[in-house]
Structures are given as C-alpha cells and as structure tokens.
Amino acid sequence: MNFFHYFVMLTLCLIFITAIAMSLFFRSRLRGMSSMILSMAIGTSIGLTVGVFFGSLFQGNLFHSTLYSVLIGIFVGAALGGIFGILPSLEGSMGGLMGGMMGAMLGEMITYDQSIIMVNLLLALTVSSLFLFPILSGSSNKGEKIQTKKWIFKPLFILFFLSSYLLIGSQLDKQMLSKSNSSQQQIHHLNNKSDLVKKENTSLEWTIKVLPSQFSYNPSEVTLKKGEKVSLILKNEDNIEHDIEIKDILFSGKESINHRNHMNNNTNLHLHAPAKKQTKLTFTPLEQGTYEFYCTLPGHKENGMVGLLIIS
C-alpha cells in the first residue's frame, strides 16, 4: 500500500465518525423517510468508495475485494441506520451491500490511475452526502419544504474545500510514484546491462520485471542474437498475475522452471508468472527479426503491457 491508500482510509474513517456524530445530533429532528433516505445514501456512497478502493488494491482477487467491501458497507449502513430505527438500519445495510458489490467490480475492471480518479469522485460524493443531515432535518421541521436560500453560496465553498483536499492527496501520491519511478529509471540506466547477463558456460539470462500497478514491462525493448541460448525470467512484483507471449518466433528448446507450459509449438513462446512470483524458461532464437511481446490477460495489453524483441 502507498500514501494514497492510507489517505483514503483515513478520510473514510473521518467520514464515518462524522456521520455517526451527526446522526446522534440530528436524530430527534429526522423522522420516517428522511432517516431511511439518509441511511441508504451514506451507506451506498461509502460502500461504493470502499468497493472501488479494495477492487483496485486487490486486483485479480475479486472474491476478497468484494467480501471486504460488502462487510464494511453493511456495517456502516447498519450502524448509521440503527441510530434511527430498524427500517433505516435495513435500508442502510442493503445500500452498503449493493454499493460494496458494485464498487468492487468496478475497481477490478479499471487501472490503478483510473481508480485514483474514481475514488476521489466517490469521496467527494460521500462527503457531500453528509450535508443531507441539515437539509433533511430542516424539511422535517417545516412541512417537508426544504429551505434553500441559505445554501446559495455554501456549495461553492464546499466544492472548493473538497477539491483542494482530494487534490492534495492525489498529488502527494503522484509525487511519491514519480520519485519512485525516477529512482528506478536511474538505477536501470546505471545498470543497463543487468537485464541481460551472460552466465559462465551456460546461457544469456534475460530478466523482465513487472512492477506493481504499472501494467508495463521493464525493460520494454531487448536485443538478442540469433542462435544464442537465452534464459527468459519473468519477475512479477505485482499483486496480480501476468504473462508474456511472443508470436510467430522460430525457436528451439522448451526448458522451463515453475511456469504453466503453454508452448505447444515452436512459433509461439509463452511464459506465465503468478503474483509476487518469478518463472523461467530457456530457448534459442533461430531467426532474425523484430517481434512484439505482450501480456495475454484481458485488458493488460490495452493498458500498455507490450514490448519489442529484436533478434540480430
């Protein structure tokens, strides 16, 4: 987990504590449908936010992200609704359940960068839902007529405050990622030959790394020699599985260690690596040319997991 994850968790905890405090404060002024609407709205919005958060954090493990999101959504909705009564508690828990399920599926389908944008939007929605307390309590006391004159300028201040707060969290996370990527690029530049290492009396060793949540290969371009034996190592440092496939390449040798053997002919070379694992196979390229390698898992190639292999 990185800074942004802790930032989101802290923000959600503050929102939940604030919602509980406001529920206790406005409990006597909220009746019937108002309390049910409030419990459902906050339960659903928190469930959605938590769902996208866990869905992106545990990409590749939809069961656990859905389980955690649903449990938290139900707990939050039931806790808030329980202050007002049984029916609001049921409304809140069902809202949290549905929000957690939908959020987890959404977080699973989008990339990490997209999840940051989505979580920020949902956090803004969740914070905004807290303002239903004074609005609905006002309508309950005045014949279900919401008094809006006092709220003409307040939304502008609220929007500015939320945008500034969420922007700061996102920018700090991007700065940390940028520094991390810059350091990794400098190390890779200084040790440019470390990915292709000649082992004494054996073969050339070609290591490809997959960094967490970046959907890219490192390095993304490699040059090998025709007829030279190569040990390809796929080092997956990500939290989800990845693979590498090279199509229409003529090669010999199918030695492999700890990987799913997908090589059923001598034109498609395939290597799979589970999360936090590395796998290896040895082959000898037999023909000069330029070949594209990519990840075959759905959506990974489209998000940038491609590279270039040059056989000289």
Protein backbone atom coordinates (compact mmCIF):
# COMPACT_ATOMS: atom_id res chain seq x y z
CA MET A 1 0.00 0.00 0.00
CA ASN A 2 1.12 3.56 -0.68
CA PHE A 3 0.36 7.02 0.70
CA PHE A 4 -2.85 7.42 -1.27
CA HIS A 5 -4.29 4.21 0.23
CA TYR A 6 -3.66 5.46 3.76
CA PHE A 7 -5.07 8.85 2.77
CA VAL A 8 -8.32 7.22 1.57
CA MET A 9 -8.66 5.00 4.65
CA LEU A 10 -8.14 7.96 6.99
CA THR A 11 -10.68 10.04 5.07
CA LEU A 12 -13.28 7.24 5.17
CA CYS A 13 -12.77 6.79 8.92
CA LEU A 14 -13.27 10.54 9.47
CA ILE A 15 -16.41 10.49 7.30
CA PHE A 16 -17.84 7.55 9.26
CA ILE A 17 -17.11 9.16 12.64
CA THR A 18 -18.64 12.45 11.44
CA ALA A 19 -21.72 10.63 10.12
CA ILE A 20 -22.24 8.86 13.47
CA ALA A 21 -21.88 12.14 15.38
CA MET A 22 -24.30 13.93 13.05
CA SER A 23 -26.79 11.05 13.28
CA LEU A 24 -26.82 11.36 17.07
CA PHE A 25 -27.13 15.15 16.88
CA PHE A 26 -29.97 15.21 14.31
CA ARG A 27 -31.73 12.05 15.50
CA SER A 28 -34.61 13.92 17.15
CA ARG A 29 -35.24 16.03 14.02
CA LEU A 30 -35.25 13.24 11.44
CA ARG A 31 -38.35 11.11 11.04
CA GLY A 32 -39.68 8.40 8.73
CA MET A 33 -38.49 8.57 5.13
CA SER A 34 -35.86 11.21 5.87
CA SER A 35 -33.85 8.90 8.13
CA MET A 36 -34.23 5.98 5.68
CA ILE A 37 -33.07 8.06 2.71
CA LEU A 38 -30.14 9.35 4.72
CA SER A 39 -29.01 5.89 5.86
CA MET A 40 -29.28 4.46 2.34
CA ALA A 41 -27.47 7.38 0.71
CA ILE A 42 -24.49 7.35 3.07
CA GLY A 43 -24.32 3.54 3.24
CA THR A 44 -24.32 3.27 -0.57
CA SER A 45 -21.77 6.03 -1.14
CA ILE A 46 -19.34 4.64 1.45
CA GLY A 47 -19.88 1.11 0.11
CA LEU A 48 -19.08 2.26 -3.44
CA THR A 49 -15.96 4.11 -2.33
CA VAL A 50 -14.68 1.18 -0.28
CA GLY A 51 -15.53 -1.20 -3.13
CA VAL A 52 -13.50 0.68 -5.74
CA PHE A 53 -10.69 1.12 -3.21
CA PHE A 54 -10.41 -2.60 -2.43
CA GLY A 55 -11.12 -3.60 -6.03
CA SER A 56 -8.07 -1.68 -7.24
CA LEU A 57 -5.95 -2.67 -4.26
CA PHE A 58 -6.65 -6.41 -4.68
CA GLN A 59 -6.92 -6.56 -8.48
CA GLY A 60 -7.03 -10.16 -9.59
CA ASN A 61 -8.75 -11.26 -6.37
CA LEU A 62 -12.37 -10.21 -6.81
CA PHE A 63 -13.60 -12.54 -4.06
CA HIS A 64 -11.63 -10.85 -1.27
CA SER A 65 -12.22 -7.30 -2.54
CA THR A 66 -15.97 -7.96 -2.76
CA LEU A 67 -16.08 -9.66 0.64
CA TYR A 68 -14.27 -6.82 2.44
CA SER A 69 -16.27 -4.13 0.65
CA VAL A 70 -19.63 -5.77 1.34
CA LEU A 71 -18.87 -6.34 5.02
CA ILE A 72 -17.73 -2.75 5.54
CA GLY A 73 -20.68 -1.37 3.55
CA ILE A 74 -23.20 -3.40 5.58
CA PHE A 75 -21.57 -2.42 8.86
CA VAL A 76 -21.53 1.31 8.04
CA GLY A 77 -25.10 1.36 6.73
CA ALA A 78 -26.47 -0.68 9.63
CA ALA A 79 -24.59 1.39 12.24
CA LEU A 80 -25.90 4.69 10.87
CA GLY A 81 -29.44 3.44 10.31
CA GLY A 82 -29.53 1.72 13.69
CA ILE A 83 -29.43 5.10 15.40
CA PHE A 84 -32.80 5.95 13.83
CA GLY A 85 -34.53 2.56 13.98
CA ILE A 86 -34.91 -0.88 12.41
CA LEU A 87 -36.12 0.18 8.94
CA PRO A 88 -33.36 2.79 8.42
CA SER A 89 -30.87 0.17 9.58
CA LEU A 90 -32.13 -2.28 6.94
CA GLU A 91 -32.07 0.42 4.26
CA GLY A 92 -28.54 1.42 5.19
CA SER A 93 -27.20 -2.14 5.28
CA MET A 94 -28.75 -3.00 1.90
CA GLY A 95 -27.35 0.21 0.43
CA GLY A 96 -23.90 -0.63 1.77
CA LEU A 97 -24.20 -4.19 0.42
CA MET A 98 -25.08 -3.08 -3.10
CA GLY A 99 -22.53 -0.28 -3.08
CA GLY A 100 -19.73 -2.61 -1.95
CA MET A 101 -20.53 -5.21 -4.63
CA MET A 102 -20.73 -2.71 -7.49
CA GLY A 103 -17.65 -0.80 -6.32
CA ALA A 104 -15.52 -3.94 -6.07
CA MET A 105 -16.45 -4.99 -9.63
CA LEU A 106 -15.67 -1.50 -10.93
CA GLY A 107 -12.31 -1.40 -9.12
CA GLU A 108 -11.41 -4.77 -10.67
CA MET A 109 -12.09 -3.56 -14.22
CA ILE A 110 -10.19 -0.24 -14.22
CA THR A 111 -6.49 0.59 -13.98
CA TYR A 112 -4.75 2.00 -10.91
CA ASP A 113 -4.63 5.56 -12.30
CA GLN A 114 -8.31 5.39 -13.17
CA SER A 115 -9.13 4.09 -9.70
CA ILE A 116 -7.49 7.18 -8.12
CA ILE A 117 -9.80 9.44 -10.12
CA MET A 118 -12.86 7.31 -9.32
CA VAL A 119 -12.08 7.09 -5.59
CA ASN A 120 -11.65 10.88 -5.43
CA LEU A 121 -15.02 11.41 -7.11
CA LEU A 122 -16.72 8.94 -4.77
CA LEU A 123 -15.08 10.52 -1.72
CA ALA A 124 -16.47 13.88 -2.82
CA LEU A 125 -19.92 12.29 -3.22
CA THR A 126 -19.65 10.66 0.20
CA VAL A 127 -18.66 13.89 1.94
CA SER A 128 -21.43 15.73 0.12
CA SER A 129 -23.98 13.21 1.41
CA LEU A 130 -23.23 14.40 4.96
CA PHE A 131 -24.95 17.69 4.10
CA LEU A 132 -28.22 15.78 3.81
CA PHE A 133 -28.42 15.90 7.61
CA PRO A 134 -29.21 19.64 7.94
CA ILE A 135 -31.19 19.67 4.69
CA LEU A 136 -33.50 16.77 5.60
CA SER A 137 -33.78 17.83 9.22
CA GLY A 138 -34.92 21.26 8.01
CA SER A 139 -37.51 19.71 5.73
CA SER A 140 -38.87 17.54 8.56
CA ASN A 141 -39.50 20.58 10.75
CA LYS A 142 -41.12 22.74 8.07
CA GLY A 143 -43.70 20.64 6.35
CA GLU A 144 -41.30 18.79 4.01
CA LYS A 145 -40.33 22.10 2.35
CA ILE A 146 -36.57 22.39 2.01
CA GLN A 147 -35.26 25.87 2.74
CA THR A 148 -32.59 26.57 0.12
CA LYS A 149 -31.96 30.32 0.34
CA LYS A 150 -29.21 29.93 2.92
CA TRP A 151 -27.41 27.37 0.73
CA ILE A 152 -26.86 29.56 -2.34
CA PHE A 153 -23.18 30.32 -1.66
CA LYS A 154 -22.32 27.36 0.57
CA PRO A 155 -21.96 24.78 -2.26
CA LEU A 156 -19.16 26.87 -3.79
CA PHE A 157 -17.20 26.81 -0.54
CA ILE A 158 -17.88 23.07 -0.09
CA LEU A 159 -16.76 22.31 -3.66
CA PHE A 160 -13.56 24.32 -3.21
CA PHE A 161 -12.75 22.63 0.10
CA LEU A 162 -13.37 19.09 -1.20
CA SER A 163 -11.45 19.69 -4.44
CA SER A 164 -8.45 21.09 -2.57
CA TYR A 165 -8.42 18.26 -0.03
CA LEU A 166 -8.69 15.47 -2.61
CA LEU A 167 -6.24 17.14 -4.99
CA ILE A 168 -3.60 17.33 -2.26
CA GLY A 169 -3.93 13.61 -1.52
CA SER A 170 -3.70 12.65 -5.20
CA GLN A 171 -0.74 14.93 -5.92
CA LEU A 172 1.25 13.65 -2.95
CA ASP A 173 0.68 10.10 -4.18
CA LYS A 174 1.73 11.02 -7.73
CA GLN A 175 4.87 12.75 -6.44
CA MET A 176 5.86 9.65 -4.49
CA LEU A 177 5.23 7.44 -7.53
CA SER A 178 7.15 9.86 -9.73
CA LYS A 179 10.15 9.82 -7.38
CA SER A 180 9.99 6.05 -7.17
CA ASN A 181 9.81 5.67 -10.96
CA SER A 182 12.62 8.20 -11.42
CA SER A 183 14.85 6.29 -8.99
CA GLN A 184 14.07 3.01 -10.73
CA GLN A 185 14.85 4.52 -14.13
CA GLN A 186 18.17 5.91 -12.85
CA ILE A 187 19.11 2.54 -11.39
CA HIS A 188 18.11 0.84 -14.64
CA HIS A 189 20.15 3.37 -16.64
CA LEU A 190 23.24 2.92 -14.49
CA ASN A 191 22.90 -0.84 -14.63
CA ASN A 192 21.65 -1.08 -18.20
CA LYS A 193 23.33 -4.43 -18.77
CA SER A 194 21.92 -6.07 -15.64
CA ASP A 195 18.83 -7.32 -17.50
CA LEU A 196 21.00 -9.26 -19.94
CA VAL A 197 23.62 -11.21 -18.00
CA LYS A 198 25.96 -13.77 -19.52
CA LYS A 199 26.23 -16.77 -17.23
CA GLU A 200 29.54 -18.61 -17.45
CA ASN A 201 29.40 -21.82 -19.53
CA THR A 202 25.61 -21.64 -19.78
CA SER A 203 23.25 -19.16 -21.44
CA LEU A 204 22.40 -15.50 -21.63
CA GLU A 205 19.92 -14.50 -18.90
CA TRP A 206 17.13 -12.09 -19.89
CA THR A 207 15.10 -10.73 -16.95
CA ILE A 208 11.83 -8.86 -17.41
CA LYS A 209 10.24 -7.19 -14.39
CA VAL A 210 6.59 -6.26 -13.91
CA LEU A 211 6.27 -3.50 -11.31
CA PRO A 212 3.17 -3.13 -9.08
CA SER A 213 0.11 -1.46 -10.68
CA GLN A 214 2.04 -0.09 -13.68
CA PHE A 215 1.00 -2.51 -16.46
CA SER A 216 4.37 -2.39 -18.19
CA TYR A 217 7.47 -4.49 -18.79
CA ASN A 218 10.92 -3.40 -17.63
CA PRO A 219 12.81 -3.34 -19.96
CA SER A 220 10.33 -2.97 -22.79
CA GLU A 221 12.90 -3.37 -25.59
CA VAL A 222 15.57 -6.07 -25.78
CA THR A 223 18.08 -7.15 -28.44
CA LEU A 224 19.26 -10.78 -28.65
CA LYS A 225 21.47 -12.70 -31.06
CA LYS A 226 20.29 -15.42 -33.38
CA GLY A 227 21.44 -18.86 -32.27
CA GLU A 228 22.39 -17.76 -28.74
CA LYS A 229 20.77 -19.68 -25.90
CA VAL A 230 18.70 -17.44 -23.62
CA SER A 231 17.10 -17.95 -20.21
CA LEU A 232 13.99 -15.74 -20.02
CA ILE A 233 12.97 -14.79 -16.45
CA LEU A 234 9.61 -13.13 -15.84
CA LYS A 235 9.79 -11.48 -12.40
CA ASN A 236 6.28 -10.44 -11.39
CA GLU A 237 6.36 -7.95 -8.50
CA ASP A 238 2.71 -7.00 -8.98
CA ASN A 239 -0.26 -8.12 -6.85
CA ILE A 240 -1.95 -9.83 -9.82
CA GLU A 241 -0.82 -12.45 -12.33
CA HIS A 242 0.86 -11.55 -15.63
CA ASP A 243 2.37 -13.38 -18.57
CA ILE A 244 4.45 -12.72 -21.67
CA GLU A 245 3.85 -14.09 -25.16
CA ILE A 246 5.85 -13.76 -28.38
CA LYS A 247 4.06 -14.93 -31.52
CA ASP A 248 5.50 -16.24 -34.77
CA ILE A 249 9.05 -16.56 -33.47
CA LEU A 250 11.13 -19.54 -34.55
CA PHE A 251 13.00 -21.02 -31.59
CA SER A 252 14.24 -24.27 -30.13
CA GLY A 253 14.30 -25.55 -26.56
CA LYS A 254 11.45 -25.74 -24.07
CA GLU A 255 13.25 -25.90 -20.73
CA SER A 256 11.12 -24.21 -18.09
CA ILE A 257 11.00 -23.83 -14.30
CA ASN A 258 7.81 -23.23 -12.29
CA HIS A 259 5.52 -21.97 -15.02
CA ARG A 260 2.41 -23.05 -16.87
CA ASN A 261 3.68 -24.68 -20.03
CA HIS A 262 1.70 -23.02 -22.81
CA MET A 263 4.28 -23.71 -25.54
CA ASN A 264 2.53 -26.21 -27.75
CA ASN A 265 4.50 -25.34 -30.90
CA ASN A 266 7.74 -23.69 -31.96
CA THR A 267 6.21 -20.41 -33.16
CA ASN A 268 4.50 -19.08 -30.02
CA LEU A 269 6.61 -18.56 -26.89
CA HIS A 270 4.61 -18.10 -23.67
CA LEU A 271 5.59 -17.67 -20.01
CA HIS A 272 3.20 -17.11 -17.09
CA ALA A 273 4.01 -15.73 -13.61
CA PRO A 274 1.59 -15.62 -10.63
CA ALA A 275 1.50 -12.58 -8.35
CA LYS A 276 4.76 -11.99 -6.42
CA LYS A 277 6.46 -14.91 -8.23
CA GLN A 278 9.06 -15.33 -10.92
CA THR A 279 9.20 -18.00 -13.61
CA LYS A 280 11.82 -19.04 -16.13
CA LEU A 281 12.24 -20.79 -19.47
CA THR A 282 15.21 -21.36 -21.74
CA PHE A 283 15.12 -21.10 -25.53
CA THR A 284 17.30 -20.34 -28.54
CA PRO A 285 16.04 -17.90 -31.21
CA LEU A 286 16.65 -19.33 -34.69
CA GLU A 287 15.69 -16.47 -36.99
CA GLN A 288 16.47 -12.77 -37.20
CA GLY A 289 13.63 -10.28 -36.97
CA THR A 290 11.64 -7.90 -34.81
CA TYR A 291 8.89 -9.33 -32.59
CA GLU A 292 6.30 -7.85 -30.26
CA PHE A 293 5.85 -9.38 -26.80
CA TYR A 294 2.77 -8.65 -24.68
CA CYS A 295 0.55 -9.84 -21.81
CA THR A 296 -2.37 -12.00 -22.95
CA LEU A 297 -4.56 -11.41 -19.87
CA PRO A 298 -7.72 -9.39 -20.68
CA GLY A 299 -7.11 -5.64 -20.70
CA HIS A 300 -3.39 -5.81 -19.87
CA LYS A 301 -2.07 -5.32 -23.42
CA GLU A 302 -4.53 -2.46 -23.95
CA ASN A 303 -3.18 -0.76 -20.81
CA GLY A 304 0.40 -0.81 -22.07
CA MET A 305 1.89 -4.26 -21.39
CA VAL A 306 3.77 -4.53 -24.68
CA GLY A 307 7.43 -4.65 -25.63
CA LEU A 308 9.81 -5.23 -28.53
CA LEU A 309 12.28 -8.08 -29.06
CA ILE A 310 14.95 -7.65 -31.73
CA ILE A 311 16.86 -10.72 -32.92
CA SER A 312 20.05 -9.64 -34.70
